[in-house]
Amino acid sequence: MPAGRPTTYRPEYAEQARKLCRNGATDREIADILGVCVRTFYRWRAEYDAFAEALTAGKEFADDRVERALYERACGYEYSDVKIFHPSGAKEPVIVPVTVHVPADVGAAKQWLATRRPPAPPKPPEDPGIAEQFRRAQERYDKVMAEKEAADAIRFAERVETRVCEELARYGLSQQSPSIQTADHMSYE
């Protein structure tokens, strides 16, 4: 025998919950109508299979109704109605049956399609040469980077040579040409 306070759950709550779910009631609303807190409601759903099944069946019915209504709204629909006219001088009103057309709603159509047919993931290119195109692009990139690195190295060497010439001139040593020379061609004072 489980310890603790006895449950307030009664089997008739399952049918009552199913009917409330069919009418679109939320879990909180059902718990409030049954006079219990939401935690108790969720505990009942976990402990009593009949209660859980009733909730599921009722919610499925409500979801089906909403789905059907969304579909009708997305496609547009017609319904029968009456117009009542009271012409001047007439003793009785004139009742005329009419058919009202409700046009399709683009927002509802988008919602319907997003739910029923989500966009397919993009397909990879069917070109079998994509690997070859990537390889060529990588070669072009490598060539450009090698040329850039070579140009950077040349600029660096020119800056070093200029700086060396400036330092030699500062100490009174001279170099015959601005290009790099061996020690045999340098003159020291």
N, C-alpha and C. Protein backbone atom coordinates (compact mmCIF):
# COMPACT_ATOMS: atom_id res chain seq x y z
N MET A 1 0.85 -1.18 0.00
CA MET A 1 0.00 0.00 0.00
C MET A 1 0.89 1.24 0.00
N PRO A 2 0.70 2.14 -0.98
CA PRO A 2 1.56 3.31 -1.03
C PRO A 2 1.28 4.23 0.15
N ALA A 3 2.35 4.81 0.63
CA ALA A 3 2.24 5.72 1.77
C ALA A 3 1.83 7.10 1.27
N GLY A 4 1.31 7.92 2.17
CA GLY A 4 0.95 9.28 1.80
C GLY A 4 -0.55 9.46 1.72
N ARG A 5 -0.92 10.64 1.33
CA ARG A 5 -2.33 11.00 1.25
C ARG A 5 -2.98 10.26 0.08
N PRO A 6 -4.22 9.81 0.22
CA PRO A 6 -4.90 9.13 -0.89
C PRO A 6 -5.17 10.11 -2.04
N THR A 7 -5.18 9.59 -3.24
CA THR A 7 -5.36 10.42 -4.43
C THR A 7 -6.81 10.90 -4.54
N THR A 8 -6.95 12.07 -5.15
CA THR A 8 -8.30 12.60 -5.40
C THR A 8 -8.76 12.24 -6.80
N TYR A 9 -7.94 11.49 -7.53
CA TYR A 9 -8.29 11.11 -8.90
C TYR A 9 -9.48 10.15 -8.89
N ARG A 10 -10.41 10.40 -9.84
CA ARG A 10 -11.55 9.50 -10.02
C ARG A 10 -11.59 9.12 -11.49
N PRO A 11 -11.98 7.88 -11.82
CA PRO A 11 -11.98 7.42 -13.21
C PRO A 11 -12.82 8.29 -14.15
N GLU A 12 -13.85 8.93 -13.66
CA GLU A 12 -14.68 9.77 -14.55
C GLU A 12 -13.93 11.02 -15.02
N TYR A 13 -12.82 11.36 -14.36
CA TYR A 13 -12.03 12.50 -14.82
C TYR A 13 -11.46 12.28 -16.22
N ALA A 14 -11.20 11.02 -16.57
CA ALA A 14 -10.64 10.73 -17.89
C ALA A 14 -11.60 11.18 -18.99
N GLU A 15 -12.87 10.83 -18.87
CA GLU A 15 -13.86 11.23 -19.88
C GLU A 15 -14.07 12.74 -19.88
N GLN A 16 -14.08 13.32 -18.71
CA GLN A 16 -14.25 14.77 -18.63
C GLN A 16 -13.06 15.48 -19.29
N ALA A 17 -11.86 15.00 -19.04
CA ALA A 17 -10.66 15.59 -19.65
C ALA A 17 -10.68 15.42 -21.17
N ARG A 18 -11.13 14.26 -21.65
CA ARG A 18 -11.20 14.03 -23.09
C ARG A 18 -12.13 15.06 -23.74
N LYS A 19 -13.31 15.27 -23.13
CA LYS A 19 -14.26 16.24 -23.68
C LYS A 19 -13.70 17.66 -23.65
N LEU A 20 -13.01 18.00 -22.57
CA LEU A 20 -12.42 19.33 -22.49
C LEU A 20 -11.34 19.52 -23.55
N CYS A 21 -10.53 18.48 -23.77
CA CYS A 21 -9.49 18.56 -24.80
C CYS A 21 -10.11 18.69 -26.18
N ARG A 22 -11.19 17.98 -26.44
CA ARG A 22 -11.89 18.08 -27.74
C ARG A 22 -12.33 19.50 -28.00
N ASN A 23 -12.67 20.23 -26.94
CA ASN A 23 -13.12 21.61 -27.08
C ASN A 23 -11.96 22.60 -27.04
N GLY A 24 -10.73 22.09 -27.01
CA GLY A 24 -9.56 22.97 -27.11
C GLY A 24 -9.02 23.48 -25.80
N ALA A 25 -9.42 22.90 -24.68
CA ALA A 25 -8.91 23.35 -23.38
C ALA A 25 -7.44 22.99 -23.24
N THR A 26 -6.69 23.85 -22.57
CA THR A 26 -5.27 23.60 -22.31
C THR A 26 -5.13 22.76 -21.04
N ASP A 27 -3.92 22.27 -20.78
CA ASP A 27 -3.68 21.48 -19.57
C ASP A 27 -4.00 22.29 -18.32
N ARG A 28 -3.61 23.54 -18.30
CA ARG A 28 -3.88 24.40 -17.14
C ARG A 28 -5.38 24.58 -16.93
N GLU A 29 -6.10 24.79 -18.03
CA GLU A 29 -7.55 24.98 -17.92
C GLU A 29 -8.22 23.70 -17.40
N ILE A 30 -7.79 22.56 -17.89
CA ILE A 30 -8.37 21.29 -17.43
C ILE A 30 -8.08 21.08 -15.94
N ALA A 31 -6.84 21.36 -15.53
CA ALA A 31 -6.49 21.22 -14.11
C ALA A 31 -7.36 22.14 -13.27
N ASP A 32 -7.58 23.35 -13.74
CA ASP A 32 -8.41 24.31 -13.00
C ASP A 32 -9.85 23.81 -12.90
N ILE A 33 -10.41 23.29 -13.99
CA ILE A 33 -11.78 22.78 -13.98
C ILE A 33 -11.91 21.57 -13.05
N LEU A 34 -10.86 20.72 -13.03
CA LEU A 34 -10.90 19.55 -12.16
C LEU A 34 -10.58 19.91 -10.71
N GLY A 35 -10.15 21.14 -10.47
CA GLY A 35 -9.88 21.61 -9.11
C GLY A 35 -8.57 21.14 -8.53
N VAL A 36 -7.57 20.92 -9.40
CA VAL A 36 -6.26 20.48 -8.92
C VAL A 36 -5.19 21.41 -9.50
N CYS A 37 -4.00 21.35 -8.91
CA CYS A 37 -2.90 22.14 -9.47
C CYS A 37 -2.34 21.42 -10.70
N VAL A 38 -1.58 22.14 -11.48
CA VAL A 38 -1.04 21.59 -12.73
C VAL A 38 -0.11 20.41 -12.44
N ARG A 39 0.66 20.48 -11.35
CA ARG A 39 1.56 19.37 -11.01
C ARG A 39 0.77 18.09 -10.76
N THR A 40 -0.35 18.21 -10.09
CA THR A 40 -1.20 17.04 -9.84
C THR A 40 -1.75 16.51 -11.16
N PHE A 41 -2.17 17.43 -12.02
CA PHE A 41 -2.68 17.04 -13.34
C PHE A 41 -1.63 16.22 -14.09
N TYR A 42 -0.37 16.70 -14.12
CA TYR A 42 0.69 15.98 -14.83
C TYR A 42 1.02 14.65 -14.14
N ARG A 43 0.92 14.60 -12.81
CA ARG A 43 1.16 13.35 -12.11
C ARG A 43 0.08 12.33 -12.47
N TRP A 44 -1.18 12.79 -12.54
CA TRP A 44 -2.27 11.88 -12.95
C TRP A 44 -2.03 11.36 -14.35
N ARG A 45 -1.57 12.23 -15.23
CA ARG A 45 -1.32 11.81 -16.61
C ARG A 45 -0.24 10.72 -16.64
N ALA A 46 0.76 10.85 -15.77
CA ALA A 46 1.84 9.86 -15.73
C ALA A 46 1.41 8.56 -15.05
N GLU A 47 0.54 8.65 -14.06
CA GLU A 47 0.17 7.48 -13.27
C GLU A 47 -1.00 6.69 -13.84
N TYR A 48 -1.96 7.36 -14.48
CA TYR A 48 -3.19 6.70 -14.91
C TYR A 48 -3.24 6.67 -16.44
N ASP A 49 -3.08 5.47 -16.99
CA ASP A 49 -3.06 5.30 -18.45
C ASP A 49 -4.36 5.76 -19.09
N ALA A 50 -5.49 5.49 -18.47
CA ALA A 50 -6.78 5.88 -19.05
C ALA A 50 -6.87 7.40 -19.16
N PHE A 51 -6.36 8.09 -18.15
CA PHE A 51 -6.37 9.56 -18.17
C PHE A 51 -5.47 10.08 -19.29
N ALA A 52 -4.27 9.51 -19.42
CA ALA A 52 -3.32 9.94 -20.45
C ALA A 52 -3.89 9.67 -21.85
N GLU A 53 -4.50 8.50 -22.04
CA GLU A 53 -5.09 8.16 -23.34
C GLU A 53 -6.25 9.07 -23.69
N ALA A 54 -7.06 9.43 -22.69
CA ALA A 54 -8.18 10.34 -22.93
C ALA A 54 -7.67 11.72 -23.36
N LEU A 55 -6.61 12.19 -22.71
CA LEU A 55 -6.03 13.49 -23.08
C LEU A 55 -5.51 13.45 -24.51
N THR A 56 -4.80 12.38 -24.85
CA THR A 56 -4.24 12.25 -26.19
C THR A 56 -5.34 12.21 -27.24
N ALA A 57 -6.38 11.42 -27.01
CA ALA A 57 -7.47 11.29 -27.98
C ALA A 57 -8.20 12.63 -28.15
N GLY A 58 -8.47 13.31 -27.04
CA GLY A 58 -9.15 14.59 -27.13
C GLY A 58 -8.33 15.64 -27.86
N LYS A 59 -7.03 15.67 -27.58
CA LYS A 59 -6.17 16.66 -28.25
C LYS A 59 -6.03 16.34 -29.73
N GLU A 60 -5.97 15.07 -30.09
CA GLU A 60 -5.90 14.71 -31.51
C GLU A 60 -7.15 15.16 -32.25
N PHE A 61 -8.31 14.99 -31.62
CA PHE A 61 -9.55 15.44 -32.24
C PHE A 61 -9.52 16.95 -32.46
N ALA A 62 -9.11 17.70 -31.43
CA ALA A 62 -9.05 19.16 -31.55
C ALA A 62 -8.04 19.58 -32.63
N ASP A 63 -6.88 18.90 -32.65
CA ASP A 63 -5.86 19.22 -33.66
C ASP A 63 -6.39 18.94 -35.06
N ASP A 64 -7.13 17.84 -35.22
CA ASP A 64 -7.71 17.52 -36.54
C ASP A 64 -8.69 18.60 -36.98
N ARG A 65 -9.50 19.09 -36.03
CA ARG A 65 -10.45 20.17 -36.36
C ARG A 65 -9.72 21.42 -36.81
N VAL A 66 -8.65 21.78 -36.10
CA VAL A 66 -7.87 22.97 -36.46
C VAL A 66 -7.21 22.78 -37.82
N GLU A 67 -6.69 21.59 -38.05
CA GLU A 67 -6.05 21.29 -39.33
C GLU A 67 -7.05 21.42 -40.47
N ARG A 68 -8.24 20.88 -40.27
CA ARG A 68 -9.28 20.96 -41.29
C ARG A 68 -9.69 22.41 -41.55
N ALA A 69 -9.84 23.19 -40.47
CA ALA A 69 -10.23 24.60 -40.61
C ALA A 69 -9.13 25.39 -41.31
N LEU A 70 -7.87 25.10 -40.98
CA LEU A 70 -6.76 25.79 -41.64
C LEU A 70 -6.72 25.45 -43.11
N TYR A 71 -6.99 24.18 -43.44
CA TYR A 71 -7.01 23.77 -44.84
C TYR A 71 -8.11 24.51 -45.60
N GLU A 72 -9.31 24.58 -45.02
CA GLU A 72 -10.40 25.29 -45.68
C GLU A 72 -10.06 26.76 -45.85
N ARG A 73 -9.46 27.35 -44.85
CA ARG A 73 -9.09 28.77 -44.93
C ARG A 73 -8.01 28.97 -46.00
N ALA A 74 -7.09 28.03 -46.10
CA ALA A 74 -6.00 28.14 -47.09
C ALA A 74 -6.53 28.03 -48.51
N CYS A 75 -7.54 27.19 -48.74
CA CYS A 75 -8.06 26.96 -50.09
C CYS A 75 -9.23 27.87 -50.43
N GLY A 76 -9.86 28.45 -49.44
CA GLY A 76 -11.08 29.21 -49.69
C GLY A 76 -12.26 28.27 -49.62
N TYR A 77 -13.42 28.81 -49.31
CA TYR A 77 -14.60 27.96 -49.19
C TYR A 77 -15.86 28.81 -49.40
N GLU A 78 -16.98 28.13 -49.47
CA GLU A 78 -18.28 28.78 -49.63
C GLU A 78 -19.22 28.27 -48.55
N TYR A 79 -20.15 29.11 -48.16
CA TYR A 79 -21.19 28.68 -47.24
C TYR A 79 -22.49 29.38 -47.57
N SER A 80 -23.58 28.77 -47.15
CA SER A 80 -24.92 29.32 -47.42
C SER A 80 -25.32 30.25 -46.29
N ASP A 81 -25.96 31.34 -46.66
CA ASP A 81 -26.42 32.32 -45.71
C ASP A 81 -27.72 32.91 -46.22
N VAL A 82 -28.30 33.82 -45.49
CA VAL A 82 -29.51 34.51 -45.95
C VAL A 82 -29.32 36.01 -45.78
N LYS A 83 -29.90 36.76 -46.67
CA LYS A 83 -29.93 38.22 -46.57
C LYS A 83 -31.37 38.59 -46.32
N ILE A 84 -31.57 39.49 -45.40
CA ILE A 84 -32.93 39.93 -45.07
C ILE A 84 -33.07 41.37 -45.52
N PHE A 85 -34.05 41.60 -46.38
CA PHE A 85 -34.34 42.94 -46.89
C PHE A 85 -35.73 43.35 -46.40
N HIS A 86 -35.88 44.62 -46.16
CA HIS A 86 -37.20 45.14 -45.78
C HIS A 86 -37.50 46.31 -46.71
N PRO A 87 -38.06 45.98 -47.91
CA PRO A 87 -38.35 47.05 -48.86
C PRO A 87 -39.42 47.99 -48.28
N SER A 88 -39.31 49.24 -48.67
CA SER A 88 -40.29 50.22 -48.18
C SER A 88 -41.67 49.87 -48.73
N GLY A 89 -42.62 49.94 -47.90
CA GLY A 89 -43.99 49.64 -48.29
C GLY A 89 -44.35 48.17 -48.20
N ALA A 90 -43.39 47.30 -47.94
CA ALA A 90 -43.68 45.86 -47.85
C ALA A 90 -44.17 45.55 -46.45
N LYS A 91 -45.08 44.60 -46.37
CA LYS A 91 -45.62 44.22 -45.08
C LYS A 91 -44.69 43.25 -44.35
N GLU A 92 -43.95 42.44 -45.08
CA GLU A 92 -43.06 41.46 -44.49
C GLU A 92 -41.64 41.64 -45.05
N PRO A 93 -40.64 41.27 -44.26
CA PRO A 93 -39.28 41.31 -44.80
C PRO A 93 -39.10 40.22 -45.86
N VAL A 94 -38.16 40.49 -46.77
CA VAL A 94 -37.87 39.52 -47.83
C VAL A 94 -36.58 38.80 -47.42
N ILE A 95 -36.65 37.48 -47.38
CA ILE A 95 -35.48 36.66 -47.03
C ILE A 95 -34.97 36.00 -48.30
N VAL A 96 -33.70 36.30 -48.63
CA VAL A 96 -33.10 35.80 -49.86
C VAL A 96 -31.92 34.89 -49.49
N PRO A 97 -31.92 33.62 -49.92
CA PRO A 97 -30.75 32.77 -49.67
C PRO A 97 -29.59 33.18 -50.60
N VAL A 98 -28.38 33.21 -50.03
CA VAL A 98 -27.19 33.58 -50.81
C VAL A 98 -26.07 32.60 -50.48
N THR A 99 -25.14 32.50 -51.41
CA THR A 99 -23.92 31.71 -51.18
C THR A 99 -22.77 32.69 -51.03
N VAL A 100 -22.10 32.64 -49.91
CA VAL A 100 -20.99 33.54 -49.61
C VAL A 100 -19.69 32.80 -49.92
N HIS A 101 -18.81 33.45 -50.67
CA HIS A 101 -17.51 32.87 -51.01
C HIS A 101 -16.44 33.54 -50.16
N VAL A 102 -15.69 32.74 -49.44
CA VAL A 102 -14.56 33.24 -48.64
C VAL A 102 -13.30 32.90 -49.44
N PRO A 103 -12.55 33.92 -49.89
CA PRO A 103 -11.37 33.64 -50.71
C PRO A 103 -10.26 32.96 -49.90
N ALA A 104 -9.35 32.36 -50.63
CA ALA A 104 -8.21 31.68 -50.00
C ALA A 104 -7.35 32.71 -49.26
N ASP A 105 -6.80 32.28 -48.14
CA ASP A 105 -5.94 33.13 -47.32
C ASP A 105 -4.49 32.69 -47.53
N VAL A 106 -3.66 33.62 -48.01
CA VAL A 106 -2.27 33.28 -48.31
C VAL A 106 -1.51 32.87 -47.04
N GLY A 107 -1.74 33.57 -45.95
CA GLY A 107 -1.06 33.23 -44.70
C GLY A 107 -1.40 31.82 -44.23
N ALA A 108 -2.68 31.47 -44.34
CA ALA A 108 -3.08 30.11 -43.96
C ALA A 108 -2.46 29.08 -44.89
N ALA A 109 -2.39 29.40 -46.18
CA ALA A 109 -1.78 28.47 -47.14
C ALA A 109 -0.30 28.26 -46.81
N LYS A 110 0.40 29.34 -46.47
CA LYS A 110 1.82 29.21 -46.10
C LYS A 110 1.97 28.35 -44.86
N GLN A 111 1.12 28.57 -43.86
CA GLN A 111 1.19 27.78 -42.63
C GLN A 111 0.92 26.31 -42.92
N TRP A 112 -0.08 26.05 -43.75
CA TRP A 112 -0.43 24.67 -44.10
C TRP A 112 0.74 23.98 -44.79
N LEU A 113 1.31 24.66 -45.79
CA LEU A 113 2.41 24.05 -46.54
C LEU A 113 3.66 23.91 -45.69
N ALA A 114 3.92 24.88 -44.81
CA ALA A 114 5.11 24.78 -43.94
C ALA A 114 5.00 23.58 -43.02
N THR A 115 3.77 23.27 -42.60
CA THR A 115 3.57 22.14 -41.70
C THR A 115 3.55 20.81 -42.46
N ARG A 116 2.85 20.80 -43.57
CA ARG A 116 2.66 19.55 -44.31
C ARG A 116 3.79 19.25 -45.29
N ARG A 117 4.34 20.29 -45.88
CA ARG A 117 5.42 20.11 -46.86
C ARG A 117 6.54 21.10 -46.58
N PRO A 118 7.34 20.81 -45.56
CA PRO A 118 8.44 21.74 -45.28
C PRO A 118 9.39 21.80 -46.47
N PRO A 119 10.08 22.92 -46.64
CA PRO A 119 10.98 23.02 -47.78
C PRO A 119 12.06 21.94 -47.73
N ALA A 120 12.32 21.38 -48.88
CA ALA A 120 13.34 20.33 -48.98
C ALA A 120 14.71 20.95 -48.80
N PRO A 121 15.63 20.22 -48.21
CA PRO A 121 16.99 20.76 -48.09
C PRO A 121 17.59 20.94 -49.48
N PRO A 122 18.45 21.91 -49.63
CA PRO A 122 19.03 22.13 -50.96
C PRO A 122 19.81 20.91 -51.44
N LYS A 123 19.67 20.62 -52.71
CA LYS A 123 20.37 19.47 -53.28
C LYS A 123 21.79 19.87 -53.64
N PRO A 124 22.72 18.97 -53.43
CA PRO A 124 24.09 19.29 -53.86
C PRO A 124 24.15 19.33 -55.38
N PRO A 125 25.05 20.11 -55.92
CA PRO A 125 25.15 20.18 -57.38
C PRO A 125 25.38 18.79 -57.97
N GLU A 126 24.73 18.53 -59.07
CA GLU A 126 24.85 17.22 -59.71
C GLU A 126 26.06 17.13 -60.64
N ASP A 127 26.81 18.23 -60.75
CA ASP A 127 27.98 18.25 -61.61
C ASP A 127 29.08 17.39 -60.98
N PRO A 128 29.48 16.29 -61.64
CA PRO A 128 30.50 15.44 -61.05
C PRO A 128 31.87 16.12 -61.02
N GLY A 129 32.03 17.23 -61.77
CA GLY A 129 33.31 17.91 -61.83
C GLY A 129 33.49 18.93 -60.73
N ILE A 130 32.64 18.91 -59.69
CA ILE A 130 32.77 19.90 -58.63
C ILE A 130 34.10 19.75 -57.91
N ALA A 131 34.55 18.52 -57.75
CA ALA A 131 35.85 18.30 -57.10
C ALA A 131 36.97 18.88 -57.96
N GLU A 132 36.83 18.72 -59.27
CA GLU A 132 37.84 19.28 -60.18
C GLU A 132 37.83 20.80 -60.11
N GLN A 133 36.64 21.40 -60.06
CA GLN A 133 36.54 22.86 -59.96
C GLN A 133 37.17 23.35 -58.66
N PHE A 134 36.95 22.62 -57.59
CA PHE A 134 37.55 23.00 -56.32
C PHE A 134 39.08 22.89 -56.40
N ARG A 135 39.57 21.82 -57.02
CA ARG A 135 41.02 21.64 -57.12
C ARG A 135 41.65 22.79 -57.90
N ARG A 136 41.00 23.19 -59.02
CA ARG A 136 41.53 24.31 -59.82
C ARG A 136 41.50 25.62 -59.02
N ALA A 137 40.43 25.83 -58.30
CA ALA A 137 40.35 27.04 -57.49
C ALA A 137 41.44 27.05 -56.43
N GLN A 138 41.70 25.90 -55.83
CA GLN A 138 42.77 25.80 -54.83
C GLN A 138 44.13 26.09 -55.47
N GLU A 139 44.37 25.61 -56.68
CA GLU A 139 45.63 25.87 -57.37
C GLU A 139 45.79 27.37 -57.65
N ARG A 140 44.70 28.00 -58.13
CA ARG A 140 44.76 29.45 -58.38
C ARG A 140 45.06 30.21 -57.10
N TYR A 141 44.42 29.80 -56.02
CA TYR A 141 44.64 30.45 -54.73
C TYR A 141 46.10 30.28 -54.30
N ASP A 142 46.61 29.05 -54.40
CA ASP A 142 48.00 28.78 -54.00
C ASP A 142 48.97 29.61 -54.83
N LYS A 143 48.71 29.75 -56.14
CA LYS A 143 49.60 30.53 -57.02
C LYS A 143 49.58 32.00 -56.62
N VAL A 144 48.37 32.54 -56.38
CA VAL A 144 48.26 33.95 -55.99
C VAL A 144 48.97 34.19 -54.67
N MET A 145 48.78 33.26 -53.71
CA MET A 145 49.43 33.43 -52.41
C MET A 145 50.95 33.33 -52.52
N ALA A 146 51.45 32.42 -53.38
CA ALA A 146 52.90 32.30 -53.57
C ALA A 146 53.46 33.58 -54.17
N GLU A 147 52.76 34.15 -55.17
CA GLU A 147 53.21 35.41 -55.77
C GLU A 147 53.19 36.54 -54.74
N LYS A 148 52.18 36.57 -53.91
CA LYS A 148 52.08 37.60 -52.88
C LYS A 148 53.23 37.45 -51.88
N GLU A 149 53.49 36.20 -51.46
CA GLU A 149 54.58 35.97 -50.51
C GLU A 149 55.92 36.36 -51.12
N ALA A 150 56.12 36.06 -52.42
CA ALA A 150 57.38 36.43 -53.09
C ALA A 150 57.51 37.95 -53.15
N ALA A 151 56.42 38.64 -53.50
CA ALA A 151 56.46 40.10 -53.55
C ALA A 151 56.75 40.68 -52.17
N ASP A 152 56.16 40.10 -51.13
CA ASP A 152 56.42 40.56 -49.76
C ASP A 152 57.88 40.34 -49.39
N ALA A 153 58.44 39.21 -49.80
CA ALA A 153 59.86 38.91 -49.50
C ALA A 153 60.78 39.90 -50.20
N ILE A 154 60.48 40.24 -51.46
CA ILE A 154 61.30 41.21 -52.20
C ILE A 154 61.22 42.57 -51.53
N ARG A 155 60.02 43.01 -51.14
CA ARG A 155 59.87 44.31 -50.47
C ARG A 155 60.64 44.32 -49.15
N PHE A 156 60.58 43.20 -48.41
CA PHE A 156 61.31 43.12 -47.15
C PHE A 156 62.82 43.21 -47.39
N ALA A 157 63.33 42.50 -48.40
CA ALA A 157 64.77 42.53 -48.71
C ALA A 157 65.20 43.94 -49.10
N GLU A 158 64.35 44.64 -49.87
CA GLU A 158 64.68 46.01 -50.26
C GLU A 158 64.70 46.93 -49.05
N ARG A 159 63.77 46.74 -48.11
CA ARG A 159 63.76 47.58 -46.90
C ARG A 159 64.98 47.30 -46.05
N VAL A 160 65.37 46.02 -45.95
CA VAL A 160 66.57 45.67 -45.17
C VAL A 160 67.80 46.29 -45.81
N GLU A 161 67.91 46.19 -47.14
CA GLU A 161 69.07 46.76 -47.84
C GLU A 161 69.13 48.27 -47.64
N THR A 162 68.00 48.92 -47.74
CA THR A 162 67.97 50.37 -47.56
C THR A 162 68.38 50.72 -46.14
N ARG A 163 67.86 49.98 -45.17
CA ARG A 163 68.19 50.25 -43.77
C ARG A 163 69.67 50.02 -43.51
N VAL A 164 70.26 48.97 -44.10
CA VAL A 164 71.70 48.69 -43.93
C VAL A 164 72.51 49.84 -44.52
N CYS A 165 72.13 50.31 -45.71
CA CYS A 165 72.84 51.44 -46.33
C CYS A 165 72.75 52.68 -45.45
N GLU A 166 71.58 52.93 -44.88
CA GLU A 166 71.41 54.08 -44.00
C GLU A 166 72.30 53.97 -42.77
N GLU A 167 72.37 52.78 -42.18
CA GLU A 167 73.21 52.58 -41.00
C GLU A 167 74.70 52.72 -41.35
N LEU A 168 75.11 52.20 -42.49
CA LEU A 168 76.51 52.34 -42.91
C LEU A 168 76.86 53.81 -43.12
N ALA A 169 75.93 54.54 -43.74
CA ALA A 169 76.18 55.96 -43.98
C ALA A 169 76.22 56.71 -42.65
N ARG A 170 75.43 56.32 -41.70
CA ARG A 170 75.41 56.99 -40.41
C ARG A 170 76.73 56.83 -39.67
N TYR A 171 77.39 55.71 -39.84
CA TYR A 171 78.68 55.47 -39.20
C TYR A 171 79.86 55.85 -40.10
N GLY A 172 79.53 56.49 -41.20
CA GLY A 172 80.59 56.96 -42.08
C GLY A 172 81.13 55.90 -43.01
N LEU A 173 80.51 54.82 -43.11
CA LEU A 173 80.91 53.77 -44.03
C LEU A 173 80.06 53.93 -45.28
N SER A 174 80.61 53.63 -46.41
CA SER A 174 79.82 53.81 -47.62
C SER A 174 79.76 52.50 -48.39
N GLN A 175 78.76 52.42 -49.20
CA GLN A 175 78.59 51.25 -50.05
C GLN A 175 78.46 51.79 -51.46
N GLN A 176 79.03 51.11 -52.44
CA GLN A 176 79.09 51.65 -53.79
C GLN A 176 77.74 51.66 -54.48
N SER A 177 76.92 50.63 -54.32
CA SER A 177 75.62 50.63 -54.99
C SER A 177 74.57 50.16 -54.00
N PRO A 178 73.34 50.47 -54.22
CA PRO A 178 72.30 50.09 -53.28
C PRO A 178 71.95 48.61 -53.33
N SER A 179 72.59 47.83 -54.21
CA SER A 179 72.29 46.40 -54.24
C SER A 179 73.19 45.68 -53.24
N ILE A 180 72.81 44.50 -52.85
CA ILE A 180 73.59 43.74 -51.87
C ILE A 180 74.89 43.31 -52.51
N GLN A 181 76.00 43.58 -51.78
CA GLN A 181 77.32 43.25 -52.30
C GLN A 181 78.07 42.42 -51.28
N THR A 182 79.14 41.81 -51.75
CA THR A 182 79.97 41.04 -50.83
C THR A 182 80.90 42.01 -50.11
N ALA A 183 81.58 41.54 -49.07
CA ALA A 183 82.47 42.39 -48.30
C ALA A 183 83.66 42.87 -49.12
N ASP A 184 84.05 42.19 -50.21
CA ASP A 184 85.18 42.58 -51.03
C ASP A 184 84.91 43.92 -51.72
N HIS A 185 83.68 44.20 -52.04
CA HIS A 185 83.36 45.41 -52.79
C HIS A 185 83.02 46.60 -51.89
N MET A 186 83.00 46.41 -50.59
CA MET A 186 82.65 47.50 -49.70
C MET A 186 83.90 48.26 -49.31
N SER A 187 83.81 49.56 -49.21
CA SER A 187 84.97 50.35 -48.78
C SER A 187 84.70 50.93 -47.42
N TYR A 188 85.65 50.83 -46.56
CA TYR A 188 85.52 51.34 -45.19
C TYR A 188 86.47 52.49 -45.05
N GLU A 189 86.10 53.50 -44.35
CA GLU A 189 86.98 54.63 -44.13
C GLU A 189 87.72 54.51 -42.84
